[in-house]
Amino acid sequence: MNHLRTVESKVLEILKEDERTRYDDMLLILRYYNRFGYLRAGDMPFEDVVMNYKGLGLPCFESIRRARQRVQSCFPEYSRNPMTVNDGGVCIVINIS
């Protein structure tokens, strides 16, 4: 995932750097748009961002939200409630169905 320039890899970068984005989808979207768009979405009117995200080469809000869910399922240490073990390390749980 680290080598591909997918939405998921970009979301993972942001989740690693900014813990608050693990809890707030809108903040994650803003960070994503500002970092990976060729124009800073934070400096544009909200209506322009919403109506022109495709023209700006950005994924829709829902794609970023879903990418966060996929990343957090693969990397629970970046989830909203990371599981820790008694020695302070991180416990990774993988459920295979």
N, C-alpha and C. Protein backbone atom coordinates (compact mmCIF):
# COMPACT_ATOMS: atom_id res chain seq x y z
N MET A 1 0.82 -1.20 0.00
CA MET A 1 0.00 0.00 0.00
C MET A 1 0.86 1.25 0.00
N ASN A 2 2.03 1.21 0.60
CA ASN A 2 2.87 2.40 0.68
C ASN A 2 3.42 2.81 -0.68
N HIS A 3 3.56 1.86 -1.61
CA HIS A 3 4.18 2.17 -2.88
C HIS A 3 3.19 2.67 -3.92
N LEU A 4 1.93 2.36 -3.73
CA LEU A 4 0.92 2.80 -4.68
C LEU A 4 0.45 4.20 -4.31
N ARG A 5 0.11 4.99 -5.31
CA ARG A 5 -0.40 6.34 -5.05
C ARG A 5 -1.92 6.33 -5.14
N THR A 6 -2.52 5.47 -4.38
CA THR A 6 -3.97 5.35 -4.36
C THR A 6 -4.55 6.27 -3.29
N VAL A 7 -5.85 6.37 -3.28
CA VAL A 7 -6.52 7.15 -2.24
C VAL A 7 -6.16 6.58 -0.88
N GLU A 8 -6.14 5.24 -0.77
CA GLU A 8 -5.83 4.61 0.51
C GLU A 8 -4.43 4.95 1.00
N SER A 9 -3.44 4.93 0.11
CA SER A 9 -2.08 5.24 0.54
C SER A 9 -1.95 6.70 0.97
N LYS A 10 -2.67 7.58 0.31
CA LYS A 10 -2.64 8.99 0.68
C LYS A 10 -3.34 9.21 2.02
N VAL A 11 -4.47 8.51 2.22
CA VAL A 11 -5.18 8.61 3.50
C VAL A 11 -4.30 8.08 4.62
N LEU A 12 -3.59 6.99 4.37
CA LEU A 12 -2.69 6.43 5.39
C LEU A 12 -1.63 7.45 5.78
N GLU A 13 -1.05 8.14 4.82
CA GLU A 13 -0.06 9.18 5.12
C GLU A 13 -0.64 10.23 6.07
N ILE A 14 -1.85 10.67 5.78
CA ILE A 14 -2.48 11.71 6.59
C ILE A 14 -2.80 11.18 7.99
N LEU A 15 -3.33 9.96 8.08
CA LEU A 15 -3.66 9.38 9.38
C LEU A 15 -2.42 9.21 10.25
N LYS A 16 -1.28 8.91 9.63
CA LYS A 16 -0.03 8.78 10.38
C LYS A 16 0.42 10.11 10.96
N GLU A 17 0.22 11.18 10.20
CA GLU A 17 0.74 12.50 10.58
C GLU A 17 -0.20 13.27 11.51
N ASP A 18 -1.49 13.10 11.37
CA ASP A 18 -2.45 13.92 12.11
C ASP A 18 -3.48 13.03 12.79
N GLU A 19 -3.32 12.82 14.09
CA GLU A 19 -4.19 11.93 14.85
C GLU A 19 -5.65 12.39 14.82
N ARG A 20 -5.88 13.67 14.75
CA ARG A 20 -7.27 14.18 14.77
C ARG A 20 -8.06 13.71 13.55
N THR A 21 -7.39 13.44 12.43
CA THR A 21 -8.10 12.99 11.22
C THR A 21 -8.64 11.58 11.38
N ARG A 22 -8.18 10.83 12.39
CA ARG A 22 -8.69 9.49 12.64
C ARG A 22 -10.11 9.52 13.17
N TYR A 23 -10.52 10.66 13.73
CA TYR A 23 -11.83 10.80 14.37
C TYR A 23 -12.80 11.67 13.57
N ASP A 24 -12.32 12.43 12.63
CA ASP A 24 -13.15 13.43 11.96
C ASP A 24 -12.97 13.33 10.45
N ASP A 25 -13.99 12.81 9.77
CA ASP A 25 -13.91 12.64 8.32
C ASP A 25 -13.76 13.96 7.58
N MET A 26 -14.46 15.00 8.03
CA MET A 26 -14.37 16.28 7.33
C MET A 26 -12.97 16.88 7.44
N LEU A 27 -12.33 16.72 8.58
CA LEU A 27 -10.96 17.19 8.72
C LEU A 27 -10.02 16.38 7.82
N LEU A 28 -10.24 15.08 7.74
CA LEU A 28 -9.45 14.23 6.85
C LEU A 28 -9.62 14.67 5.41
N ILE A 29 -10.84 14.94 5.01
CA ILE A 29 -11.12 15.38 3.64
C ILE A 29 -10.42 16.71 3.36
N LEU A 30 -10.50 17.64 4.29
CA LEU A 30 -9.84 18.93 4.11
C LEU A 30 -8.33 18.75 3.97
N ARG A 31 -7.74 17.94 4.85
CA ARG A 31 -6.29 17.69 4.78
C ARG A 31 -5.92 17.04 3.44
N TYR A 32 -6.74 16.08 3.00
CA TYR A 32 -6.49 15.39 1.73
C TYR A 32 -6.55 16.38 0.57
N TYR A 33 -7.62 17.16 0.51
CA TYR A 33 -7.79 18.11 -0.58
C TYR A 33 -6.68 19.16 -0.60
N ASN A 34 -6.30 19.67 0.57
CA ASN A 34 -5.24 20.67 0.62
C ASN A 34 -3.89 20.10 0.22
N ARG A 35 -3.64 18.86 0.59
CA ARG A 35 -2.33 18.26 0.34
C ARG A 35 -2.16 17.73 -1.08
N PHE A 36 -3.21 17.11 -1.63
CA PHE A 36 -3.06 16.42 -2.90
C PHE A 36 -3.75 17.11 -4.07
N GLY A 37 -4.47 18.18 -3.82
CA GLY A 37 -5.07 18.94 -4.91
C GLY A 37 -4.07 19.96 -5.44
N TYR A 38 -4.21 20.35 -6.68
CA TYR A 38 -3.28 21.35 -7.19
C TYR A 38 -3.65 22.76 -6.76
N LEU A 39 -4.86 22.92 -6.19
CA LEU A 39 -5.26 24.17 -5.54
C LEU A 39 -5.65 23.84 -4.11
N ARG A 40 -5.36 24.74 -3.18
CA ARG A 40 -5.73 24.50 -1.78
C ARG A 40 -7.24 24.66 -1.64
N ALA A 41 -7.91 23.57 -1.33
CA ALA A 41 -9.37 23.59 -1.17
C ALA A 41 -9.79 24.45 0.01
N GLY A 42 -8.95 24.57 1.02
CA GLY A 42 -9.26 25.37 2.19
C GLY A 42 -9.35 26.85 1.89
N ASP A 43 -8.76 27.28 0.77
CA ASP A 43 -8.79 28.69 0.39
C ASP A 43 -9.93 29.00 -0.59
N MET A 44 -10.68 27.97 -0.97
CA MET A 44 -11.75 28.13 -1.94
C MET A 44 -13.10 28.11 -1.23
N PRO A 45 -14.12 28.73 -1.81
CA PRO A 45 -15.48 28.60 -1.24
C PRO A 45 -15.91 27.14 -1.27
N PHE A 46 -16.62 26.72 -0.25
CA PHE A 46 -17.04 25.33 -0.12
C PHE A 46 -17.83 24.87 -1.34
N GLU A 47 -18.71 25.72 -1.82
CA GLU A 47 -19.53 25.37 -2.99
C GLU A 47 -18.66 25.05 -4.20
N ASP A 48 -17.58 25.82 -4.40
CA ASP A 48 -16.68 25.56 -5.53
C ASP A 48 -16.00 24.20 -5.40
N VAL A 49 -15.61 23.85 -4.18
CA VAL A 49 -14.97 22.56 -3.96
C VAL A 49 -15.95 21.43 -4.23
N VAL A 50 -17.16 21.54 -3.69
CA VAL A 50 -18.16 20.49 -3.83
C VAL A 50 -18.58 20.32 -5.29
N MET A 51 -18.74 21.41 -5.99
CA MET A 51 -19.23 21.35 -7.37
C MET A 51 -18.13 21.01 -8.37
N ASN A 52 -16.87 21.23 -8.01
CA ASN A 52 -15.78 21.07 -8.98
C ASN A 52 -14.68 20.10 -8.55
N TYR A 53 -14.96 19.22 -7.60
CA TYR A 53 -13.91 18.33 -7.11
C TYR A 53 -13.34 17.45 -8.23
N LYS A 54 -14.18 17.02 -9.16
CA LYS A 54 -13.67 16.19 -10.27
C LYS A 54 -12.73 17.01 -11.15
N GLY A 55 -13.10 18.23 -11.42
CA GLY A 55 -12.26 19.10 -12.23
C GLY A 55 -10.94 19.43 -11.56
N LEU A 56 -10.93 19.36 -10.23
CA LEU A 56 -9.71 19.61 -9.47
C LEU A 56 -8.87 18.33 -9.33
N GLY A 57 -9.40 17.23 -9.88
CA GLY A 57 -8.68 15.96 -9.82
C GLY A 57 -8.72 15.30 -8.45
N LEU A 58 -9.79 15.53 -7.70
CA LEU A 58 -9.89 15.01 -6.34
C LEU A 58 -11.01 13.97 -6.24
N PRO A 59 -10.88 13.00 -5.35
CA PRO A 59 -11.96 12.04 -5.14
C PRO A 59 -13.09 12.67 -4.35
N CYS A 60 -14.27 12.07 -4.44
CA CYS A 60 -15.41 12.61 -3.69
C CYS A 60 -15.24 12.31 -2.21
N PHE A 61 -16.03 12.98 -1.39
CA PHE A 61 -15.97 12.82 0.07
C PHE A 61 -16.12 11.35 0.47
N GLU A 62 -17.08 10.69 -0.15
CA GLU A 62 -17.39 9.30 0.22
C GLU A 62 -16.21 8.37 -0.08
N SER A 63 -15.49 8.61 -1.14
CA SER A 63 -14.32 7.77 -1.47
C SER A 63 -13.25 7.90 -0.39
N ILE A 64 -13.05 9.10 0.11
CA ILE A 64 -12.05 9.32 1.17
C ILE A 64 -12.53 8.67 2.47
N ARG A 65 -13.81 8.78 2.78
CA ARG A 65 -14.34 8.16 3.99
C ARG A 65 -14.19 6.64 3.93
N ARG A 66 -14.50 6.05 2.78
CA ARG A 66 -14.36 4.61 2.62
C ARG A 66 -12.89 4.18 2.68
N ALA A 67 -12.03 4.99 2.10
CA ALA A 67 -10.59 4.69 2.15
C ALA A 67 -10.10 4.70 3.59
N ARG A 68 -10.60 5.65 4.40
CA ARG A 68 -10.22 5.68 5.82
C ARG A 68 -10.64 4.40 6.52
N GLN A 69 -11.85 3.93 6.23
CA GLN A 69 -12.33 2.69 6.84
C GLN A 69 -11.45 1.50 6.45
N ARG A 70 -11.10 1.42 5.16
CA ARG A 70 -10.25 0.31 4.70
C ARG A 70 -8.87 0.38 5.34
N VAL A 71 -8.30 1.57 5.39
CA VAL A 71 -6.96 1.73 5.99
C VAL A 71 -7.00 1.36 7.46
N GLN A 72 -8.02 1.84 8.17
CA GLN A 72 -8.09 1.57 9.60
C GLN A 72 -8.37 0.10 9.88
N SER A 73 -9.01 -0.61 8.96
CA SER A 73 -9.20 -2.04 9.17
C SER A 73 -7.90 -2.80 8.95
N CYS A 74 -7.03 -2.31 8.08
CA CYS A 74 -5.73 -2.95 7.84
C CYS A 74 -4.67 -2.50 8.84
N PHE A 75 -4.79 -1.29 9.33
CA PHE A 75 -3.83 -0.71 10.27
C PHE A 75 -4.58 -0.21 11.51
N PRO A 76 -4.94 -1.11 12.42
CA PRO A 76 -5.73 -0.70 13.59
C PRO A 76 -5.03 0.32 14.48
N GLU A 77 -3.71 0.42 14.39
CA GLU A 77 -3.01 1.43 15.19
C GLU A 77 -3.37 2.85 14.77
N TYR A 78 -3.96 3.00 13.58
CA TYR A 78 -4.41 4.31 13.11
C TYR A 78 -5.94 4.42 13.16
N SER A 79 -6.58 3.57 13.93
CA SER A 79 -8.03 3.61 14.03
C SER A 79 -8.45 4.60 15.12
N ARG A 80 -9.73 4.74 15.26
CA ARG A 80 -10.28 5.67 16.26
C ARG A 80 -9.97 5.21 17.67
N ASN A 81 -9.98 3.90 17.89
CA ASN A 81 -9.71 3.33 19.19
C ASN A 81 -8.65 2.24 19.05
N PRO A 82 -7.38 2.61 18.95
CA PRO A 82 -6.34 1.59 18.76
C PRO A 82 -6.27 0.65 19.95
N MET A 83 -6.08 -0.63 19.65
CA MET A 83 -5.94 -1.63 20.71
C MET A 83 -4.48 -1.68 21.13
N THR A 84 -4.22 -1.61 22.41
CA THR A 84 -2.86 -1.69 22.91
C THR A 84 -2.73 -2.90 23.83
N VAL A 85 -1.54 -3.45 23.88
CA VAL A 85 -1.26 -4.56 24.78
C VAL A 85 -0.66 -3.99 26.05
N ASN A 86 -0.54 -4.82 27.09
CA ASN A 86 -0.10 -4.36 28.40
C ASN A 86 1.27 -3.72 28.41
N ASP A 87 2.17 -4.15 27.52
CA ASP A 87 3.52 -3.59 27.54
C ASP A 87 3.63 -2.29 26.76
N GLY A 88 2.51 -1.73 26.33
CA GLY A 88 2.52 -0.46 25.62
C GLY A 88 2.60 -0.59 24.11
N GLY A 89 2.79 -1.81 23.61
CA GLY A 89 2.83 -2.03 22.17
C GLY A 89 1.44 -2.02 21.58
N VAL A 90 1.35 -2.24 20.29
CA VAL A 90 0.09 -2.25 19.60
C VAL A 90 -0.24 -3.69 19.21
N CYS A 91 -1.46 -4.09 19.44
CA CYS A 91 -1.93 -5.42 19.08
C CYS A 91 -2.70 -5.31 17.77
N ILE A 92 -2.32 -6.08 16.76
CA ILE A 92 -3.00 -6.07 15.47
C ILE A 92 -3.85 -7.32 15.39
N VAL A 93 -5.15 -7.13 15.16
CA VAL A 93 -6.09 -8.23 15.06
C VAL A 93 -6.56 -8.31 13.62
N ILE A 94 -6.42 -9.48 13.00
CA ILE A 94 -6.88 -9.69 11.63
C ILE A 94 -7.97 -10.75 11.66
N ASN A 95 -9.16 -10.36 11.23
CA ASN A 95 -10.28 -11.29 11.16
C ASN A 95 -10.42 -11.76 9.73
N ILE A 96 -10.38 -13.07 9.53
CA ILE A 96 -10.57 -13.65 8.20
C ILE A 96 -11.85 -14.44 8.22
N SER A 97 -12.76 -14.05 7.32
CA SER A 97 -14.05 -14.76 7.29
C SER A 97 -14.20 -15.56 6.03
